[in-house]
Amino acid sequence: MENQSTATDILLIEGLNVTPQSSIPVFILLLFIYVFIMLSNISLVVLISVERSLHQPMYLLFCNMGINDVFGASIIVPHLLSNHFKPSSERIIHYAACAFQAFCGHVHATMTHTVLMIMAFDRYVAVCRPLQYSSIMSARMVVNLSVSAWGVSVVMILILVGLSVRLSRCRRVIFNPFCDNPSLFKLSCENVFINNLYGLAFTAVLLSSSLGSLTLTYLRIIVVCLKSQTKTVNIRALQTCATHLTLYVIMMVSGMIIIILHRFPELSEHRKLASIMFHVVPPAMNGIIYGLQIKGLSLFLFCVKKLEVVILKTSFSSKRIDCVK
C-alpha cells in the first residue's frame, strides 16, 4: 500500500501537444506573452505605487487585477515552458505541486470575477452617486473589499480542491496541459458526486453573482446617463465604463469557450488550448488596456468632479427657488 501511494504521488502530466515543426514557434510565442504579462502588469503596479497622483481608490483596483494576472500567469506558464521540450514520459509533477497549481489557478479565475465586480460597484458609485464617491470609495473601503475578495476566493477554492485531495487515487496521468480541479478528482476511482455538486454550485453562484451585479450596475448607469442633461460628462463616463466592460467580455468569452468545448469530446485538443489562452490572453490584454486607461482615468475623475458641481448648482438653484416662494 505504501509503495502504491508513493507511485501515485508522482504524476505524469500531458502538457502541450504540438507537432515537432511548431514546437519552437509555440515556445517562443508563450515565452513572449509571459514576459509581456510580467513587464506590463508589474510596471503598472510599480507606476501606481510610485506616482503620488495615482494614490486613489480606483487605481488600487488596477493594482489588484495586475497582481492577480501576474499570479495566474506565473502558476501556469513557467511549468508549461519547462516541460515543453521533454518527452511525454518525462513530464512529471508531484501530487502536492499539482494540487497547489490547481488551487492557485482556480483562485486566479475566481479573483478575476470578484475584482471585476468591485470595479462595477466603483463605476456605479462614481456615475450614480458622484457626491458621495469620495466618502464611499475611500482607500480603506477598497482595501476592505479587496481583502474580502481574496479571502472569500481562497476559502471557497480551499473547499473545492480539498474535496478532491481527500479522495484516494488509482490513476497517475493528468490529461491536461496543467493541473486543475477536474484533473485531480479524475485521478480517483471513488464516487465524485459531492465534487461535481459543489463545483457546479460554486460555478453557478460565482457566474450569477458576476453577471447579475454587472447587469444591474450598467442598467442603473444607463438610466442615470439618460436622465442627465450633461452629455459631455455622460459620454466620458460611458467611455470609462466601456473599458471595464471590455475586460469583462474578454474574460467571459475566454471562459465560455472552455465550457462549450467540454461538450465536444472530439475537440479536446482545442479545449486544452483554450484553457491555456484563458490564463494568458486576458492578463496580456489587461496590461494593455489598463496602461491606456491610466491617461483616461484622470479624465474620468475630472468628469466626476464636474458632475458634482452640476448637481450642487442644481440643488442650490432649487433651494433658492423654494426660498423665493
Protein backbone atom coordinates (compact mmCIF):
# COMPACT_ATOMS: atom_id res chain seq x y z
CA MET A 1 0.00 0.00 0.00
CA GLU A 2 2.86 2.37 0.84
CA ASN A 3 4.56 1.68 -2.49
CA GLN A 4 1.27 2.22 -4.33
CA SER A 5 0.73 5.54 -2.56
CA THR A 6 4.28 6.65 -3.41
CA ALA A 7 3.77 5.69 -7.06
CA THR A 8 0.58 7.76 -7.34
CA ASP A 9 2.31 10.75 -5.71
CA ILE A 10 4.36 11.16 -8.90
CA LEU A 11 2.04 12.10 -11.75
CA LEU A 12 2.51 12.28 -15.49
CA ILE A 13 1.15 15.49 -16.99
CA GLU A 14 0.23 15.79 -20.65
CA GLY A 15 1.49 19.32 -21.21
CA LEU A 16 1.33 20.89 -24.66
CA ASN A 17 0.74 18.56 -27.59
CA VAL A 18 2.24 20.22 -30.65
CA THR A 19 3.96 18.97 -33.76
CA PRO A 20 7.79 18.97 -33.86
CA GLN A 21 7.72 21.69 -36.53
CA SER A 22 5.69 24.05 -34.35
CA SER A 23 7.44 23.35 -31.02
CA ILE A 24 9.93 26.22 -31.25
CA PRO A 25 7.43 28.85 -32.53
CA VAL A 26 4.92 27.89 -29.80
CA PHE A 27 7.62 28.05 -27.13
CA ILE A 28 8.80 31.49 -28.31
CA LEU A 29 5.20 32.79 -28.50
CA LEU A 30 4.34 31.58 -25.00
CA LEU A 31 7.58 32.96 -23.59
CA PHE A 32 7.00 36.33 -25.27
CA ILE A 33 3.43 36.55 -23.95
CA TYR A 34 4.55 35.60 -20.45
CA VAL A 35 7.36 38.19 -20.42
CA PHE A 36 4.91 40.81 -21.72
CA ILE A 37 2.37 39.94 -18.98
CA MET A 38 5.03 40.25 -16.30
CA LEU A 39 6.53 43.51 -17.60
CA SER A 40 3.24 45.27 -18.35
CA ASN A 41 1.44 44.34 -15.13
CA ILE A 42 4.41 44.78 -12.78
CA SER A 43 5.22 48.15 -14.43
CA LEU A 44 1.61 49.21 -13.91
CA VAL A 45 1.66 48.25 -10.22
CA VAL A 46 5.01 50.00 -9.67
CA LEU A 47 3.82 53.14 -11.50
CA ILE A 48 0.69 53.37 -9.37
CA SER A 49 2.71 52.74 -6.21
CA VAL A 50 5.35 55.36 -7.00
CA GLU A 51 3.21 58.10 -8.60
CA ARG A 52 1.54 60.10 -5.82
CA SER A 53 -1.21 61.42 -8.09
CA LEU A 54 -2.33 57.84 -8.70
CA HIS A 55 -2.81 57.03 -5.00
CA GLN A 56 -6.58 56.91 -5.37
CA PRO A 57 -9.12 54.12 -4.76
CA MET A 58 -9.76 53.45 -8.42
CA TYR A 59 -6.09 52.76 -9.09
CA LEU A 60 -5.91 50.26 -6.22
CA LEU A 61 -8.37 48.14 -8.18
CA PHE A 62 -5.99 48.21 -11.14
CA CYS A 63 -3.19 47.04 -8.83
CA ASN A 64 -5.41 44.23 -7.62
CA MET A 65 -6.03 42.97 -11.13
CA GLY A 66 -2.40 43.40 -12.14
CA ILE A 67 -1.17 41.37 -9.17
CA ASN A 68 -3.79 38.69 -9.87
CA ASP A 69 -2.76 38.49 -13.54
CA VAL A 70 0.93 38.06 -12.63
CA PHE A 71 -0.05 35.44 -10.07
CA GLY A 72 -2.23 33.46 -12.51
CA ALA A 73 0.24 33.51 -15.39
CA SER A 74 3.19 32.56 -13.14
CA ILE A 75 1.38 29.48 -11.87
CA ILE A 76 0.67 28.06 -15.34
CA VAL A 77 3.12 29.30 -17.99
CA PRO A 78 6.59 28.55 -16.46
CA HIS A 79 5.65 24.90 -15.85
CA LEU A 80 4.36 24.58 -19.41
CA LEU A 81 7.59 26.03 -20.79
CA SER A 82 9.80 23.83 -18.61
CA ASN A 83 8.04 20.66 -19.88
CA HIS A 84 7.70 21.80 -23.48
CA PHE A 85 10.72 20.00 -24.97
CA LYS A 86 10.58 16.98 -22.67
CA PRO A 87 9.31 13.59 -23.89
CA SER A 88 5.84 12.68 -22.64
CA SER A 89 7.26 10.07 -20.27
CA GLU A 90 9.42 12.69 -18.52
CA ARG A 91 6.70 15.29 -17.95
CA ILE A 92 6.17 14.59 -14.27
CA ILE A 93 4.77 16.57 -11.36
CA HIS A 94 4.41 15.70 -7.69
CA TYR A 95 0.82 15.36 -6.47
CA ALA A 96 1.25 18.12 -3.88
CA ALA A 97 2.59 20.50 -6.54
CA CYS A 98 -0.30 19.54 -8.83
CA ALA A 99 -2.86 20.27 -6.10
CA PHE A 100 -1.14 23.62 -5.37
CA GLN A 101 -1.21 24.55 -9.07
CA ALA A 102 -4.90 23.66 -9.28
CA PHE A 103 -5.64 25.72 -6.16
CA CYS A 104 -3.77 28.79 -7.45
CA GLY A 105 -5.29 28.52 -10.93
CA HIS A 106 -8.83 28.49 -9.56
CA VAL A 107 -8.08 31.32 -7.11
CA HIS A 108 -6.84 33.40 -10.06
CA ALA A 109 -10.02 32.74 -12.07
CA THR A 110 -12.28 33.47 -9.08
CA MET A 111 -10.40 36.65 -8.21
CA THR A 112 -10.82 37.89 -11.78
CA HIS A 113 -14.59 37.75 -11.31
CA THR A 114 -14.61 39.31 -7.84
CA VAL A 115 -12.27 42.18 -8.74
CA LEU A 116 -14.36 42.99 -11.82
CA MET A 117 -17.46 43.01 -9.58
CA ILE A 118 -15.75 45.53 -7.30
CA MET A 119 -14.85 47.61 -10.35
CA ALA A 120 -18.50 47.55 -11.44
CA PHE A 121 -19.53 48.85 -7.99
CA ASP A 122 -16.89 51.58 -8.27
CA ARG A 123 -18.29 52.71 -11.63
CA TYR A 124 -21.82 52.70 -10.19
CA VAL A 125 -20.87 54.95 -7.26
CA ALA A 126 -18.85 57.29 -9.48
CA VAL A 127 -21.63 57.81 -12.03
CA CYS A 128 -24.80 57.40 -9.97
CA ARG A 129 -23.67 58.89 -6.64
CA PRO A 130 -20.87 61.31 -7.52
CA LEU A 131 -21.35 63.49 -4.42
CA GLN A 132 -20.69 60.52 -2.14
CA TYR A 133 -17.96 58.95 -4.31
CA SER A 134 -15.01 60.15 -2.22
CA SER A 135 -16.58 59.08 1.05
CA ILE A 136 -17.91 55.70 -0.16
CA MET A 137 -14.97 54.59 -2.34
CA SER A 138 -12.27 55.59 0.10
CA ALA A 139 -8.90 53.86 0.14
CA ARG A 140 -9.99 52.00 3.25
CA MET A 141 -13.16 50.73 1.56
CA VAL A 142 -11.21 49.49 -1.48
CA VAL A 143 -8.70 47.70 0.75
CA ASN A 144 -11.52 46.07 2.72
CA LEU A 145 -13.28 44.98 -0.47
CA SER A 146 -10.03 43.64 -1.92
CA VAL A 147 -9.12 41.69 1.21
CA SER A 148 -12.65 40.28 1.36
CA ALA A 149 -12.47 39.24 -2.30
CA TRP A 150 -9.15 37.45 -1.78
CA GLY A 151 -10.34 35.87 1.46
CA VAL A 152 -13.60 34.53 0.04
CA SER A 153 -11.83 33.24 -3.08
CA VAL A 154 -9.17 31.40 -1.07
CA VAL A 155 -11.70 29.80 1.31
CA MET A 156 -14.07 28.68 -1.45
CA ILE A 157 -11.25 27.20 -3.55
CA LEU A 158 -9.72 25.51 -0.50
CA ILE A 159 -13.00 23.65 -0.08
CA LEU A 160 -13.16 22.88 -3.82
CA VAL A 161 -9.64 21.44 -4.02
CA GLY A 162 -9.88 19.89 -0.54
CA LEU A 163 -12.80 17.75 -1.67
CA SER A 164 -10.59 16.35 -4.44
CA VAL A 165 -7.47 15.90 -2.33
CA ARG A 166 -9.37 13.74 0.21
CA LEU A 167 -10.06 11.10 -2.47
CA SER A 168 -7.86 8.04 -2.90
CA ARG A 169 -6.05 7.76 -6.23
CA CYS A 170 -5.99 4.88 -8.71
CA ARG A 171 -4.59 6.77 -11.71
CA ARG A 172 -1.47 8.87 -12.24
CA VAL A 173 -1.91 10.64 -15.60
CA ILE A 174 -3.18 14.24 -15.91
CA PHE A 175 -4.82 14.55 -19.34
CA ASN A 176 -4.49 18.31 -19.40
CA PRO A 177 -1.73 20.88 -20.09
CA PHE A 178 -1.75 21.83 -16.40
CA CYS A 179 -3.42 20.73 -13.16
CA ASP A 180 -6.93 21.86 -12.30
CA ASN A 181 -9.66 20.55 -10.00
CA PRO A 182 -11.32 18.21 -12.54
CA SER A 183 -7.90 16.72 -13.28
CA LEU A 184 -7.45 15.98 -9.57
CA PHE A 185 -10.71 14.17 -8.91
CA LYS A 186 -10.44 12.25 -12.21
CA LEU A 187 -7.41 10.51 -10.68
CA SER A 188 -9.75 8.74 -8.26
CA CYS A 189 -11.97 5.70 -8.76
CA GLU A 190 -14.27 6.77 -5.92
CA ASN A 191 -17.68 8.42 -6.22
CA VAL A 192 -17.14 12.10 -7.08
CA PHE A 193 -20.79 13.19 -6.83
CA ILE A 194 -20.02 15.65 -4.00
CA ASN A 195 -17.16 17.16 -6.02
CA ASN A 196 -19.39 17.67 -9.06
CA LEU A 197 -22.22 19.07 -6.92
CA TYR A 198 -20.03 21.59 -5.08
CA GLY A 199 -18.17 22.54 -8.28
CA LEU A 200 -21.39 23.20 -10.20
CA ALA A 201 -22.98 25.09 -7.28
CA PHE A 202 -19.85 27.23 -6.80
CA THR A 203 -19.62 28.00 -10.53
CA ALA A 204 -23.34 28.84 -10.72
CA VAL A 205 -23.16 31.21 -7.72
CA LEU A 206 -19.99 32.90 -8.99
CA LEU A 207 -21.25 33.41 -12.55
CA SER A 208 -24.75 34.51 -11.49
CA SER A 209 -23.29 36.98 -8.96
CA SER A 210 -20.84 38.29 -11.53
CA LEU A 211 -23.32 38.62 -14.39
CA GLY A 212 -26.12 39.83 -12.12
CA SER A 213 -24.09 42.58 -10.46
CA LEU A 214 -22.67 43.74 -13.78
CA THR A 215 -26.09 43.82 -15.48
CA LEU A 216 -27.79 45.70 -12.63
CA THR A 217 -24.89 48.14 -12.34
CA TYR A 218 -24.83 49.06 -16.02
CA LEU A 219 -28.61 49.27 -16.29
CA ARG A 220 -28.56 51.78 -13.44
CA ILE A 221 -25.69 53.72 -15.04
CA ILE A 222 -27.53 53.86 -18.38
CA VAL A 223 -30.70 55.13 -16.68
CA VAL A 224 -28.79 57.85 -14.84
CA CYS A 225 -26.96 58.91 -18.00
CA LEU A 226 -30.21 59.07 -19.99
CA LYS A 227 -31.80 61.28 -17.34
CA SER A 228 -28.77 63.56 -17.11
CA GLN A 229 -28.56 66.57 -19.42
CA THR A 230 -24.77 66.88 -19.31
CA LYS A 231 -23.91 64.98 -22.50
CA THR A 232 -20.15 65.53 -22.32
CA VAL A 233 -19.93 64.01 -18.85
CA ASN A 234 -22.19 61.13 -19.89
CA ILE A 235 -20.08 60.27 -22.93
CA ARG A 236 -16.84 60.33 -20.96
CA ALA A 237 -18.33 58.32 -18.11
CA LEU A 238 -19.60 55.68 -20.55
CA GLN A 239 -16.21 55.58 -22.28
CA THR A 240 -14.57 54.78 -18.96
CA CYS A 241 -17.21 52.14 -18.22
CA ALA A 242 -16.60 50.64 -21.67
CA THR A 243 -13.06 49.76 -20.58
CA HIS A 244 -14.37 47.72 -17.66
CA LEU A 245 -16.98 46.09 -19.89
CA THR A 246 -14.30 45.17 -22.46
CA LEU A 247 -12.22 43.43 -19.79
CA TYR A 248 -15.27 41.56 -18.56
CA VAL A 249 -16.25 40.41 -22.05
CA ILE A 250 -12.71 39.17 -22.79
CA MET A 251 -12.69 37.19 -19.54
CA MET A 252 -16.19 35.75 -20.05
CA VAL A 253 -15.60 34.77 -23.69
CA SER A 254 -12.33 33.03 -22.75
CA GLY A 255 -14.10 31.09 -20.01
CA MET A 256 -17.24 30.25 -22.03
CA ILE A 257 -15.18 28.81 -24.89
CA ILE A 258 -13.71 26.26 -22.46
CA ILE A 259 -17.16 25.35 -21.09
CA ILE A 260 -18.62 24.94 -24.58
CA LEU A 261 -15.71 22.82 -25.81
CA HIS A 262 -16.22 20.47 -22.84
CA ARG A 263 -19.43 19.38 -24.60
CA PHE A 264 -17.48 18.11 -27.60
CA PRO A 265 -15.01 15.32 -26.68
CA GLU A 266 -13.65 15.25 -30.22
CA LEU A 267 -12.43 18.84 -29.69
CA SER A 268 -10.44 18.03 -26.55
CA GLU A 269 -7.22 19.45 -28.00
CA HIS A 270 -8.96 22.72 -28.80
CA ARG A 271 -10.32 22.84 -25.25
CA LYS A 272 -6.83 22.35 -23.82
CA LEU A 273 -5.51 25.19 -25.95
CA ALA A 274 -8.43 27.39 -24.86
CA SER A 275 -7.69 26.63 -21.20
CA ILE A 276 -4.14 27.91 -21.68
CA MET A 277 -5.41 31.00 -23.50
CA PHE A 278 -7.67 31.80 -20.53
CA HIS A 279 -4.58 32.22 -18.35
CA VAL A 280 -2.54 34.27 -20.85
CA VAL A 281 -4.84 36.29 -23.14
CA PRO A 282 -6.87 38.25 -20.53
CA PRO A 283 -3.77 39.10 -18.43
CA ALA A 284 -1.94 40.32 -21.56
CA MET A 285 -4.95 42.37 -22.70
CA ASN A 286 -5.48 43.78 -19.20
CA GLY A 287 -1.95 45.16 -19.16
CA ILE A 288 -2.55 46.98 -22.45
CA ILE A 289 -6.00 48.30 -21.57
CA TYR A 290 -5.00 49.47 -18.08
CA GLY A 291 -1.92 51.16 -19.46
CA LEU A 292 -4.05 53.10 -21.93
CA GLN A 293 -6.64 53.79 -19.24
CA ILE A 294 -4.13 55.49 -16.92
CA LYS A 295 -4.45 58.53 -19.14
CA GLY A 296 -8.21 58.25 -19.31
CA LEU A 297 -8.66 57.87 -15.56
CA SER A 298 -7.58 61.42 -14.87
CA LEU A 299 -10.20 62.49 -17.39
CA PHE A 300 -12.79 60.32 -15.64
CA LEU A 301 -12.04 61.89 -12.25
CA PHE A 302 -12.38 65.30 -13.85
CA CYS A 303 -15.82 64.25 -15.15
CA VAL A 304 -16.88 63.04 -11.70
CA LYS A 305 -15.90 66.38 -10.16
CA LYS A 306 -17.69 68.27 -12.92
CA LEU A 307 -20.81 66.20 -12.32
CA GLU A 308 -20.61 67.03 -8.61
CA VAL A 309 -20.51 70.74 -9.44
CA VAL A 310 -23.54 70.41 -11.75
CA ILE A 311 -25.55 68.59 -9.06
CA LEU A 312 -24.56 71.12 -6.39
CA LYS A 313 -25.58 74.02 -8.66
CA THR A 314 -28.91 72.36 -9.41
CA SER A 315 -29.52 71.70 -5.72
CA PHE A 316 -28.58 75.28 -4.81
CA SER A 317 -30.86 76.70 -7.52
CA SER A 318 -33.84 74.65 -6.34
CA LYS A 319 -33.28 75.82 -2.77
CA ARG A 320 -33.21 79.46 -3.92
CA ILE A 321 -36.49 78.97 -5.78
CA ASP A 322 -38.06 77.47 -2.65
CA CYS A 323 -36.85 80.40 -0.58
CA VAL A 324 -38.33 82.91 -3.08
CA LYS A 325 -41.66 81.08 -2.97
